[in-house]
C-alpha cells in the first residue's frame, strides 16, 4: 500500500485547495493510530478524457458500493463533457466528504 498525507481546504462554492504528499508507511500507520478509527478504505483510479483528469474512488468496507468520480477543472464554470457513466452531481453534498464518510459510512444511509 501507498501512504499519502492529504490536506483539503474549501475556498468558495466547489473550489478547494488540495495538497497531497507521499509519506512513509511508519508515518501513515502512526497517523492512522491517532485518528480515533476515522478511516476510509478506497482504491483510486485515474482517467483522462478530453484533456481533463478524472479521479475515480471505489470505496470498500463500510462504504462498499460507493463510487465517486471527481474532475479537476480550470474554473468551476467551465463547460465539460460528462461521460455517460457519470451520475448525480454531489459536489455540494457534505455527506460525501471523506471525513463524513468515515463517521457516517455509506452503508448506514
PDB file of N, CA and C in Angstrom:
ATOM      1  N   UNK A   1       0.827  -1.194   0.000  1.00  0.00           N
ATOM      2  CA  UNK A   1       0.000   0.000   0.000  1.00  0.00           C
ATOM      3  C   UNK A   1       0.868   1.254   0.000  1.00  0.00           C
ATOM      4  N   UNK A   2       0.347   2.286  -0.628  1.00  0.00           N
ATOM      5  CA  UNK A   2       0.993   3.592  -0.607  1.00  0.00           C
ATOM      6  C   UNK A   2       0.299   4.458   0.422  1.00  0.00           C
ATOM      7  N   UNK A   3       1.049   5.341   1.043  1.00  0.00           N
ATOM      8  CA  UNK A   3       0.505   6.244   2.058  1.00  0.00           C
ATOM      9  C   UNK A   3       0.670   7.679   1.575  1.00  0.00           C
ATOM     10  N   UNK A   4      -0.399   8.471   1.768  1.00  0.00           N
ATOM     11  CA  UNK A   4      -0.377   9.877   1.390  1.00  0.00           C
ATOM     12  C   UNK A   4      -0.970  10.705   2.505  1.00  0.00           C
ATOM     13  N   UNK A   5      -0.412  11.868   2.702  1.00  0.00           N
ATOM     14  CA  UNK A   5      -0.985  12.858   3.598  1.00  0.00           C
ATOM     15  C   UNK A   5      -1.655  13.889   2.707  1.00  0.00           C
ATOM     16  N   UNK A   6      -2.965  14.079   2.891  1.00  0.00           N
ATOM     17  CA  UNK A   6      -3.728  14.992   2.062  1.00  0.00           C
ATOM     18  C   UNK A   6      -4.388  16.035   2.942  1.00  0.00           C
ATOM     19  N   UNK A   7      -4.278  17.286   2.527  1.00  0.00           N
ATOM     20  CA  UNK A   7      -4.937  18.381   3.225  1.00  0.00           C
ATOM     21  C   UNK A   7      -5.811  19.094   2.207  1.00  0.00           C
ATOM     22  N   UNK A   8      -7.111  19.239   2.531  1.00  0.00           N
ATOM     23  CA  UNK A   8      -8.047  19.935   1.658  1.00  0.00           C
ATOM     24  C   UNK A   8      -8.640  21.107   2.405  1.00  0.00           C
ATOM     25  N   UNK A   9      -8.783  22.216   1.693  1.00  0.00           N
ATOM     26  CA  UNK A   9      -9.337  23.428   2.288  1.00  0.00           C
ATOM     27  C   UNK A   9     -10.353  24.013   1.321  1.00  0.00           C
ATOM     28  N   UNK A  10     -11.604  24.140   1.788  1.00  0.00           N
ATOM     29  CA  UNK A  10     -12.662  24.699   0.953  1.00  0.00           C
ATOM     30  C   UNK A  10     -12.483  26.207   0.859  1.00  0.00           C
ATOM     31  N   UNK A  11     -12.493  26.717  -0.365  1.00  0.00           N
ATOM     32  CA  UNK A  11     -12.378  28.163  -0.555  1.00  0.00           C
ATOM     33  C   UNK A  11     -13.778  28.747  -0.769  1.00  0.00           C
ATOM     34  N   UNK A  12     -14.350  28.551  -1.963  1.00  0.00           N
ATOM     35  CA  UNK A  12     -15.707  29.023  -2.237  1.00  0.00           C
ATOM     36  C   UNK A  12     -16.420  28.000  -3.101  1.00  0.00           C
ATOM     37  N   UNK A  13     -17.730  27.919  -2.964  1.00  0.00           N
ATOM     38  CA  UNK A  13     -18.525  27.025  -3.804  1.00  0.00           C
ATOM     39  C   UNK A  13     -17.954  25.620  -3.807  1.00  0.00           C
ATOM     40  N   UNK A  14     -17.554  25.165  -4.989  1.00  0.00           N
ATOM     41  CA  UNK A  14     -16.956  23.834  -5.105  1.00  0.00           C
ATOM     42  C   UNK A  14     -15.438  23.905  -5.229  1.00  0.00           C
ATOM     43  N   UNK A  15     -14.880  25.110  -5.084  1.00  0.00           N
ATOM     44  CA  UNK A  15     -13.429  25.275  -5.156  1.00  0.00           C
ATOM     45  C   UNK A  15     -12.764  24.831  -3.861  1.00  0.00           C
ATOM     46  N   UNK A  16     -11.665  24.087  -4.003  1.00  0.00           N
ATOM     47  CA  UNK A  16     -10.903  23.650  -2.839  1.00  0.00           C
ATOM     48  C   UNK A  16      -9.422  23.661  -3.174  1.00  0.00           C
ATOM     49  N   UNK A  17      -8.621  24.055  -2.188  1.00  0.00           N
ATOM     50  CA  UNK A  17      -7.183  23.838  -2.290  1.00  0.00           C
ATOM     51  C   UNK A  17      -6.937  22.408  -1.837  1.00  0.00           C
ATOM     52  N   UNK A  18      -6.048  21.717  -2.508  1.00  0.00           N
ATOM     53  CA  UNK A  18      -5.715  20.360  -2.106  1.00  0.00           C
ATOM     54  C   UNK A  18      -4.211  20.167  -2.207  1.00  0.00           C
ATOM     55  N   UNK A  19      -3.641  19.644  -1.134  1.00  0.00           N
ATOM     56  CA  UNK A  19      -2.217  19.353  -1.082  1.00  0.00           C
ATOM     57  C   UNK A  19      -2.071  17.881  -0.719  1.00  0.00           C
ATOM     58  N   UNK A  20      -1.291  17.142  -1.489  1.00  0.00           N
ATOM     59  CA  UNK A  20      -1.133  15.711  -1.224  1.00  0.00           C
ATOM     60  C   UNK A  20       0.334  15.339  -1.374  1.00  0.00           C
ATOM     61  N   UNK A  21       0.843  14.615  -0.362  1.00  0.00           N
ATOM     62  CA  UNK A  21       2.247  14.246  -0.336  1.00  0.00           C
ATOM     63  C   UNK A  21       2.400  12.779   0.042  1.00  0.00           C
ATOM     64  N   UNK A  22       3.274  12.047  -0.636  1.00  0.00           N
ATOM     65  CA  UNK A  22       3.547  10.670  -0.196  1.00  0.00           C
ATOM     66  C   UNK A  22       4.285  10.703   1.144  1.00  0.00           C
ATOM     67  N   UNK A  23       3.946   9.743   2.019  1.00  0.00           N
ATOM     68  CA  UNK A  23       4.629   9.636   3.313  1.00  0.00           C
ATOM     69  C   UNK A  23       5.021   8.176   3.534  1.00  0.00           C
ATOM     70  N   UNK A  24       5.864   7.937   4.488  1.00  0.00           N
ATOM     71  CA  UNK A  24       6.322   6.577   4.768  1.00  0.00           C
ATOM     72  C   UNK A  24       5.211   5.754   5.413  1.00  0.00           C
ATOM     73  N   UNK A  25       5.332   4.442   5.326  1.00  0.00           N
ATOM     74  CA  UNK A  25       4.387   3.535   5.971  1.00  0.00           C
ATOM     75  C   UNK A  25       4.360   3.778   7.474  1.00  0.00           C
ATOM     76  N   UNK A  26       5.518   4.015   8.060  1.00  0.00           N
ATOM     77  CA  UNK A  26       5.597   4.256   9.500  1.00  0.00           C
ATOM     78  C   UNK A  26       4.804   5.505   9.881  1.00  0.00           C
ATOM     79  N   UNK A  27       4.974   6.584   9.131  1.00  0.00           N
ATOM     80  CA  UNK A  27       4.217   7.803   9.405  1.00  0.00           C
ATOM     81  C   UNK A  27       2.721   7.575   9.178  1.00  0.00           C
ATOM     82  N   UNK A  28       2.377   6.848   8.108  1.00  0.00           N
ATOM     83  CA  UNK A  28       0.973   6.555   7.822  1.00  0.00           C
ATOM     84  C   UNK A  28       0.329   5.741   8.930  1.00  0.00           C
ATOM     85  N   UNK A  29       1.020   4.703   9.392  1.00  0.00           N
ATOM     86  CA  UNK A  29       0.490   3.879  10.482  1.00  0.00           C
ATOM     87  C   UNK A  29       0.310   4.693  11.759  1.00  0.00           C
ATOM     88  N   UNK A  30       1.248   5.589  12.044  1.00  0.00           N
ATOM     89  CA  UNK A  30       1.154   6.426  13.237  1.00  0.00           C
ATOM     90  C   UNK A  30      -0.045   7.379  13.138  1.00  0.00           C
ATOM     91  N   UNK A  31      -0.223   8.003  11.978  1.00  0.00           N
ATOM     92  CA  UNK A  31      -1.351   8.907  11.801  1.00  0.00           C
ATOM     93  C   UNK A  31      -2.680   8.168  11.921  1.00  0.00           C
ATOM     94  N   UNK A  32      -2.755   6.956  11.362  1.00  0.00           N
ATOM     95  CA  UNK A  32      -3.988   6.167  11.481  1.00  0.00           C
ATOM     96  C   UNK A  32      -4.259   5.830  12.939  1.00  0.00           C
ATOM     97  N   UNK A  33      -3.219   5.511  13.703  1.00  0.00           N
ATOM     98  CA  UNK A  33      -3.421   5.179  15.121  1.00  0.00           C
ATOM     99  C   UNK A  33      -3.922   6.379  15.918  1.00  0.00           C
ATOM    100  N   UNK A  34      -3.671   7.581  15.440  1.00  0.00           N
ATOM    101  CA  UNK A  34      -4.112   8.803  16.115  1.00  0.00           C
ATOM    102  C   UNK A  34      -5.484   9.282  15.636  1.00  0.00           C
ATOM    103  N   UNK A  35      -6.092   8.567  14.705  1.00  0.00           N
ATOM    104  CA  UNK A  35      -7.286   9.065  14.026  1.00  0.00           C
ATOM    105  C   UNK A  35      -8.605   8.702  14.693  1.00  0.00           C
ATOM    106  N   UNK A  36      -8.589   8.063  15.858  1.00  0.00           N
ATOM    107  CA  UNK A  36      -9.826   7.605  16.501  1.00  0.00           C
ATOM    108  C   UNK A  36     -10.630   6.685  15.584  1.00  0.00           C
ATOM    109  N   UNK A  37      -9.925   5.928  14.744  1.00  0.00           N
ATOM    110  CA  UNK A  37     -10.541   4.972  13.810  1.00  0.00           C
ATOM    111  C   UNK A  37     -11.453   5.612  12.774  1.00  0.00           C
ATOM    112  N   UNK A  38     -11.267   6.891  12.498  1.00  0.00           N
ATOM    113  CA  UNK A  38     -11.998   7.522  11.406  1.00  0.00           C
ATOM    114  C   UNK A  38     -11.212   7.280  10.122  1.00  0.00           C
ATOM    115  N   UNK A  39     -11.335   6.064   9.609  1.00  0.00           N
ATOM    116  CA  UNK A  39     -10.543   5.633   8.456  1.00  0.00           C
ATOM    117  C   UNK A  39     -11.491   5.150   7.371  1.00  0.00           C
ATOM    118  N   UNK A  40     -11.217   5.552   6.131  1.00  0.00           N
ATOM    119  CA  UNK A  40     -11.944   5.005   4.996  1.00  0.00           C
ATOM    120  C   UNK A  40     -10.947   4.240   4.135  1.00  0.00           C
ATOM    121  N   UNK A  41     -11.459   3.225   3.440  1.00  0.00           N
ATOM    122  CA  UNK A  41     -10.623   2.410   2.567  1.00  0.00           C
ATOM    123  C   UNK A  41     -11.172   2.532   1.161  1.00  0.00           C
ATOM    124  N   UNK A  42     -10.285   2.902   0.224  1.00  0.00           N
ATOM    125  CA  UNK A  42     -10.717   3.071  -1.158  1.00  0.00           C
ATOM    126  C   UNK A  42      -9.542   2.853  -2.089  1.00  0.00           C
ATOM    127  N   UNK A  43      -9.862   2.499  -3.318  1.00  0.00           N
ATOM    128  CA  UNK A  43      -8.886   2.466  -4.402  1.00  0.00           C
ATOM    129  C   UNK A  43      -9.159   3.662  -5.279  1.00  0.00           C
ATOM    130  N   UNK A  44      -8.089   4.295  -5.761  1.00  0.00           N
ATOM    131  CA  UNK A  44      -8.244   5.451  -6.635  1.00  0.00           C
ATOM    132  C   UNK A  44      -7.696   5.119  -8.010  1.00  0.00           C
ATOM    133  N   UNK A  45      -8.477   5.469  -9.014  1.00  0.00           N
ATOM    134  CA  UNK A  45      -8.092   5.265 -10.403  1.00  0.00           C
ATOM    135  C   UNK A  45      -8.102   6.621 -11.110  1.00  0.00           C
ATOM    136  N   UNK A  46      -7.260   6.757 -12.132  1.00  0.00           N
ATOM    137  CA  UNK A  46      -7.165   8.000 -12.886  1.00  0.00           C
ATOM    138  C   UNK A  46      -7.461   7.720 -14.351  1.00  0.00           C
ATOM    139  N   UNK A  47      -8.238   8.625 -14.967  1.00  0.00           N
ATOM    140  CA  UNK A  47      -8.519   8.523 -16.391  1.00  0.00           C
ATOM    141  C   UNK A  47      -8.568   9.935 -16.961  1.00  0.00           C
ATOM    142  N   UNK A  48      -8.005  10.109 -18.155  1.00  0.00           N
ATOM    143  CA  UNK A  48      -8.039  11.403 -18.827  1.00  0.00           C
ATOM    144  C   UNK A  48      -9.036  11.342 -19.973  1.00  0.00           C
ATOM    145  N   UNK A  49      -9.967  12.294 -19.964  1.00  0.00           N
ATOM    146  CA  UNK A  49     -10.971  12.409 -21.023  1.00  0.00           C
ATOM    147  C   UNK A  49     -11.008  13.871 -21.454  1.00  0.00           C
ATOM    148  N   UNK A  50     -10.862  14.110 -22.744  1.00  0.00           N
ATOM    149  CA  UNK A  50     -10.886  15.483 -23.285  1.00  0.00           C
ATOM    150  C   UNK A  50      -9.950  16.418 -22.518  1.00  0.00           C
ATOM    151  N   UNK A  51      -8.754  15.967 -22.246  1.00  0.00           N
ATOM    152  CA  UNK A  51      -7.711  16.759 -21.574  1.00  0.00           C
ATOM    153  C   UNK A  51      -8.034  17.085 -20.122  1.00  0.00           C
ATOM    154  N   UNK A  52      -9.014  16.421 -19.531  1.00  0.00           N
ATOM    155  CA  UNK A  52      -9.339  16.607 -18.114  1.00  0.00           C
ATOM    156  C   UNK A  52      -9.045  15.314 -17.367  1.00  0.00           C
ATOM    157  N   UNK A  53      -8.447  15.451 -16.211  1.00  0.00           N
ATOM    158  CA  UNK A  53      -8.145  14.300 -15.376  1.00  0.00           C
ATOM    159  C   UNK A  53      -9.311  14.002 -14.447  1.00  0.00           C
ATOM    160  N   UNK A  54      -9.795  12.767 -14.475  1.00  0.00           N
ATOM    161  CA  UNK A  54     -10.832  12.285 -13.576  1.00  0.00           C
ATOM    162  C   UNK A  54     -10.173  11.395 -12.536  1.00  0.00           C
ATOM    163  N   UNK A  55     -10.566  11.560 -11.280  1.00  0.00           N
ATOM    164  CA  UNK A  55     -10.163  10.668 -10.199  1.00  0.00           C
ATOM    165  C   UNK A  55     -11.400   9.872  -9.811  1.00  0.00           C
ATOM    166  N   UNK A  56     -11.292   8.564  -9.846  1.00  0.00           N
ATOM    167  CA  UNK A  56     -12.429   7.707  -9.531  1.00  0.00           C
ATOM    168  C   UNK A  56     -12.081   6.903  -8.287  1.00  0.00           C
ATOM    169  N   UNK A  57     -12.854   7.121  -7.225  1.00  0.00           N
ATOM    170  CA  UNK A  57     -12.649   6.427  -5.952  1.00  0.00           C
ATOM    171  C   UNK A  57     -13.683   5.318  -5.807  1.00  0.00           C
ATOM    172  N   UNK A  58     -13.189   4.094  -5.618  1.00  0.00           N
ATOM    173  CA  UNK A  58     -14.037   2.927  -5.369  1.00  0.00           C
ATOM    174  C   UNK A  58     -13.842   2.564  -3.904  1.00  0.00           C
ATOM    175  N   UNK A  59     -14.901   2.730  -3.125  1.00  0.00           N
ATOM    176  CA  UNK A  59     -14.823   2.569  -1.678  1.00  0.00           C
ATOM    177  C   UNK A  59     -15.035   1.117  -1.260  1.00  0.00           C
ATOM    178  N   UNK A  60     -14.478   0.765  -0.104  1.00  0.00           N
ATOM    179  CA  UNK A  60     -14.553  -0.583   0.446  1.00  0.00           C
ATOM    180  C   UNK A  60     -15.045  -0.528   1.889  1.00  0.00           C
ATOM    181  N   UNK A  61     -15.137  -1.686   2.492  1.00  0.00           N
ATOM    182  CA  UNK A  61     -15.577  -1.864   3.877  1.00  0.00           C
ATOM    183  C   UNK A  61     -16.923  -1.183   4.111  1.00  0.00           C
ATOM    184  N   UNK A  62     -17.031  -0.287   5.092  1.00  0.00           N
ATOM    185  CA  UNK A  62     -18.316   0.319   5.442  1.00  0.00           C
ATOM    186  C   UNK A  62     -18.899   1.191   4.335  1.00  0.00           C
ATOM    187  N   UNK A  63     -18.078   1.598   3.378  1.00  0.00           N
ATOM    188  CA  UNK A  63     -18.542   2.423   2.263  1.00  0.00           C
ATOM    189  C   UNK A  63     -18.626   1.641   0.955  1.00  0.00           C
ATOM    190  N   UNK A  64     -18.600   0.301   1.048  1.00  0.00           N
ATOM    191  CA  UNK A  64     -18.650  -0.550  -0.139  1.00  0.00           C
ATOM    192  C   UNK A  64     -19.911  -0.244  -0.943  1.00  0.00           C
ATOM    193  N   UNK A  65     -19.732  -0.172  -2.255  1.00  0.00           N
ATOM    194  CA  UNK A  65     -20.844   0.140  -3.148  1.00  0.00           C
ATOM    195  C   UNK A  65     -20.842   1.583  -3.612  1.00  0.00           C
ATOM    196  N   UNK A  66     -20.074   2.415  -2.954  1.00  0.00           N
ATOM    197  CA  UNK A  66     -19.995   3.825  -3.319  1.00  0.00           C
ATOM    198  C   UNK A  66     -18.822   4.037  -4.270  1.00  0.00           C
ATOM    199  N   UNK A  67     -19.085   4.706  -5.365  1.00  0.00           N
ATOM    200  CA  UNK A  67     -18.051   5.095  -6.328  1.00  0.00           C
ATOM    201  C   UNK A  67     -18.238   6.580  -6.591  1.00  0.00           C
ATOM    202  N   UNK A  68     -17.171   7.340  -6.430  1.00  0.00           N
ATOM    203  CA  UNK A  68     -17.217   8.788  -6.624  1.00  0.00           C
ATOM    204  C   UNK A  68     -16.196   9.177  -7.686  1.00  0.00           C
ATOM    205  N   UNK A  69     -16.636   9.944  -8.668  1.00  0.00           N
ATOM    206  CA  UNK A  69     -15.755  10.457  -9.722  1.00  0.00           C
ATOM    207  C   UNK A  69     -15.626  11.958  -9.558  1.00  0.00           C
ATOM    208  N   UNK A  70     -14.395  12.427  -9.627  1.00  0.00           N
ATOM    209  CA  UNK A  70     -14.115  13.856  -9.476  1.00  0.00           C
ATOM    210  C   UNK A  70     -13.272  14.317 -10.644  1.00  0.00           C
ATOM    211  N   UNK A  71     -13.582  15.494 -11.161  1.00  0.00           N
ATOM    212  CA  UNK A  71     -12.830  16.065 -12.273  1.00  0.00           C
ATOM    213  C   UNK A  71     -12.153  17.349 -11.811  1.00  0.00           C
ATOM    214  N   UNK A  72     -10.941  17.556 -12.284  1.00  0.00           N
ATOM    215  CA  UNK A  72     -10.225  18.795 -11.997  1.00  0.00           C
ATOM    216  C   UNK A  72     -10.519  19.783 -13.121  1.00  0.00           C
ATOM    217  N   UNK A  73     -11.103  20.934 -12.759  1.00  0.00           N
ATOM    218  CA  UNK A  73     -11.467  21.948 -13.741  1.00  0.00           C
ATOM    219  C   UNK A  73     -10.525  23.141 -13.663  1.00  0.00           C
ATOM    220  N   UNK A  74     -10.435  23.878 -14.753  1.00  0.00           N
ATOM    221  CA  UNK A  74      -9.675  25.128 -14.748  1.00  0.00           C
ATOM    222  C   UNK A  74     -10.421  26.204 -13.974  1.00  0.00           C
ATOM    223  N   UNK A  75     -11.768  26.177 -14.047  1.00  0.00           N
ATOM    224  CA  UNK A  75     -12.615  27.046 -13.229  1.00  0.00           C
ATOM    225  C   UNK A  75     -13.970  26.367 -13.087  1.00  0.00           C
ATOM    226  N   UNK A  76     -14.713  26.724 -12.041  1.00  0.00           N
ATOM    227  CA  UNK A  76     -15.939  25.999 -11.728  1.00  0.00           C
ATOM    228  C   UNK A  76     -17.075  26.238 -12.718  1.00  0.00           C
ATOM    229  N   UNK A  77     -16.940  27.223 -13.613  1.00  0.00           N
ATOM    230  CA  UNK A  77     -17.971  27.490 -14.614  1.00  0.00           C
ATOM    231  C   UNK A  77     -17.629  26.917 -15.990  1.00  0.00           C
ATOM    232  N   UNK A  78     -16.565  26.158 -16.051  1.00  0.00           N
ATOM    233  CA  UNK A  78     -16.098  25.578 -17.301  1.00  0.00           C
ATOM    234  C   UNK A  78     -17.116  24.567 -17.848  1.00  0.00           C
ATOM    235  N   UNK A  79     -17.359  24.630 -19.151  1.00  0.00           N
ATOM    236  CA  UNK A  79     -18.226  23.642 -19.804  1.00  0.00           C
ATOM    237  C   UNK A  79     -17.411  22.391 -20.070  1.00  0.00           C
ATOM    238  N   UNK A  80     -17.959  21.240 -19.679  1.00  0.00           N
ATOM    239  CA  UNK A  80     -17.235  19.982 -19.856  1.00  0.00           C
ATOM    240  C   UNK A  80     -18.165  18.921 -20.416  1.00  0.00           C
ATOM    241  N   UNK A  81     -17.563  17.915 -21.004  1.00  0.00           N
ATOM    242  CA  UNK A  81     -18.301  16.739 -21.463  1.00  0.00           C
ATOM    243  C   UNK A  81     -18.379  15.756 -20.304  1.00  0.00           C
ATOM    244  N   UNK A  82     -19.588  15.317 -19.968  1.00  0.00           N
ATOM    245  CA  UNK A  82     -19.771  14.314 -18.922  1.00  0.00           C
ATOM    246  C   UNK A  82     -20.008  12.953 -19.568  1.00  0.00           C
ATOM    247  N   UNK A  83     -19.135  11.993 -19.301  1.00  0.00           N
ATOM    248  CA  UNK A  83     -19.341  10.644 -19.841  1.00  0.00           C
ATOM    249  C   UNK A  83     -20.657  10.061 -19.333  1.00  0.00           C
ATOM    250  N   UNK A  84     -21.205   9.078 -20.051  1.00  0.00           N
ATOM    251  CA  UNK A  84     -22.497   8.520 -19.664  1.00  0.00           C
ATOM    252  C   UNK A  84     -22.453   7.734 -18.361  1.00  0.00           C
ATOM    253  N   UNK A  85     -21.260   7.425 -17.848  1.00  0.00           N
ATOM    254  CA  UNK A  85     -21.154   6.714 -16.573  1.00  0.00           C
ATOM    255  C   UNK A  85     -21.178   7.657 -15.374  1.00  0.00           C
ATOM    256  N   UNK A  86     -21.236   8.962 -15.623  1.00  0.00           N
ATOM    257  CA  UNK A  86     -21.327   9.930 -14.526  1.00  0.00           C
ATOM    258  C   UNK A  86     -22.780  10.053 -14.102  1.00  0.00           C
ATOM    259  N   UNK A  87     -23.020   9.955 -12.798  1.00  0.00           N
ATOM    260  CA  UNK A  87     -24.376  10.055 -12.258  1.00  0.00           C
ATOM    261  C   UNK A  87     -24.664  11.434 -11.711  1.00  0.00           C
ATOM    262  N   UNK A  88     -25.159  11.476 -10.495  1.00  0.00           N
ATOM    263  CA  UNK A  88     -25.580  12.720  -9.856  1.00  0.00           C
ATOM    264  C   UNK A  88     -24.418  13.617  -9.494  1.00  0.00           C
ATOM    265  N   UNK A  89     -24.649  14.915  -9.539  1.00  0.00           N
ATOM    266  CA  UNK A  89     -23.698  15.918  -9.083  1.00  0.00           C
ATOM    267  C   UNK A  89     -23.754  15.961  -7.562  1.00  0.00           C
ATOM    268  N   UNK A  90     -22.615  15.752  -6.886  1.00  0.00           N
ATOM    269  CA  UNK A  90     -22.612  15.681  -5.422  1.00  0.00           C
ATOM    270  C   UNK A  90     -21.638  16.670  -4.789  1.00  0.00           C
ATOM    271  N   UNK A  91     -21.104  17.592  -5.569  1.00  0.00           N
ATOM    272  CA  UNK A  91     -20.065  18.494  -5.068  1.00  0.00           C
ATOM    273  C   UNK A  91     -20.471  19.253  -3.811  1.00  0.00           C
ATOM    274  N   UNK A  92     -21.744  19.572  -3.679  1.00  0.00           N
ATOM    275  CA  UNK A  92     -22.195  20.377  -2.544  1.00  0.00           C
ATOM    276  C   UNK A  92     -22.823  19.544  -1.439  1.00  0.00           C
ATOM    277  N   UNK A  93     -22.784  18.220  -1.566  1.00  0.00           N
ATOM    278  CA  UNK A  93     -23.385  17.342  -0.566  1.00  0.00           C
ATOM    279  C   UNK A  93     -22.323  16.905   0.439  1.00  0.00           C
ATOM    280  N   UNK A  94     -22.433  17.421   1.633  1.00  0.00           N
ATOM    281  CA  UNK A  94     -21.438  17.219   2.683  1.00  0.00           C
ATOM    282  C   UNK A  94     -21.240  15.751   3.067  1.00  0.00           C
ATOM    283  N   UNK A  95     -22.279  14.932   2.936  1.00  0.00           N
ATOM    284  CA  UNK A  95     -22.152  13.536   3.384  1.00  0.00           C
ATOM    285  C   UNK A  95     -21.127  12.750   2.578  1.00  0.00           C
ATOM    286  N   UNK A  96     -20.775  13.229   1.379  1.00  0.00           N
ATOM    287  CA  UNK A  96     -19.792  12.550   0.542  1.00  0.00           C
ATOM    288  C   UNK A  96     -18.343  12.930   0.862  1.00  0.00           C
ATOM    289  N   UNK A  97     -18.136  13.914   1.708  1.00  0.00           N
ATOM    290  CA  UNK A  97     -16.769  14.269   2.092  1.00  0.00           C
ATOM    291  C   UNK A  97     -16.144  13.105   2.855  1.00  0.00           C
ATOM    292  N   UNK A  98     -14.859  12.864   2.630  1.00  0.00           N
ATOM    293  CA  UNK A  98     -14.183  11.735   3.274  1.00  0.00           C
ATOM    294  C   UNK A  98     -14.337  11.748   4.788  1.00  0.00           C
ATOM    295  N   UNK A  99     -14.231  12.911   5.396  1.00  0.00           N
ATOM    296  CA  UNK A  99     -14.341  12.982   6.856  1.00  0.00           C
ATOM    297  C   UNK A  99     -15.727  12.514   7.295  1.00  0.00           C
ATOM    298  N   UNK A 100     -16.764  12.870   6.552  1.00  0.00           N
ATOM    299  CA  UNK A 100     -18.118  12.451   6.901  1.00  0.00           C
ATOM    300  C   UNK A 100     -18.359  10.979   6.587  1.00  0.00           C
ATOM    301  N   UNK A 101     -17.775  10.482   5.501  1.00  0.00           N
ATOM    302  CA  UNK A 101     -17.885   9.055   5.190  1.00  0.00           C
ATOM    303  C   UNK A 101     -17.196   8.196   6.247  1.00  0.00           C
ATOM    304  N   UNK A 102     -16.192   8.747   6.907  1.00  0.00           N
ATOM    305  CA  UNK A 102     -15.508   7.988   7.958  1.00  0.00           C
ATOM    306  C   UNK A 102     -16.351   7.893   9.227  1.00  0.00           C
ATOM    307  N   UNK A 103     -17.227   8.869   9.441  1.00  0.00           N
ATOM    308  CA  UNK A 103     -18.058   8.892  10.647  1.00  0.00           C
ATOM    309  C   UNK A 103     -19.435   8.289  10.409  1.00  0.00           C
ATOM    310  N   UNK A 104     -20.031   8.590   9.265  1.00  0.00           N
ATOM    311  CA  UNK A 104     -21.345   8.019   8.905  1.00  0.00           C
ATOM    312  C   UNK A 104     -21.178   7.396   7.517  1.00  0.00           C
ATOM    313  N   UNK A 105     -20.769   6.134   7.475  1.00  0.00           N
ATOM    314  CA  UNK A 105     -20.467   5.496   6.206  1.00  0.00           C
ATOM    315  C   UNK A 105     -21.705   5.254   5.329  1.00  0.00           C
ATOM    316  N   UNK A 106     -21.449   5.079   4.057  1.00  0.00           N
ATOM    317  CA  UNK A 106     -22.463   4.849   3.041  1.00  0.00           C
ATOM    318  C   UNK A 106     -23.410   3.718   3.423  1.00  0.00           C
ATOM    319  N   UNK A 107     -22.908   2.672   4.059  1.00  0.00           N
ATOM    320  CA  UNK A 107     -23.752   1.532   4.429  1.00  0.00           C
ATOM    321  C   UNK A 107     -24.797   1.887   5.489  1.00  0.00           C
ATOM    322  N   UNK A 108     -24.658   3.043   6.152  1.00  0.00           N
ATOM    323  CA  UNK A 108     -25.607   3.467   7.190  1.00  0.00           C
ATOM    324  C   UNK A 108     -26.619   4.497   6.674  1.00  0.00           C
ATOM    325  N   UNK A 109     -26.611   4.807   5.393  1.00  0.00           N
ATOM    326  CA  UNK A 109     -27.540   5.816   4.866  1.00  0.00           C
ATOM    327  C   UNK A 109     -28.920   5.232   4.711  1.00  0.00           C
TER     328      UNK A 109
END
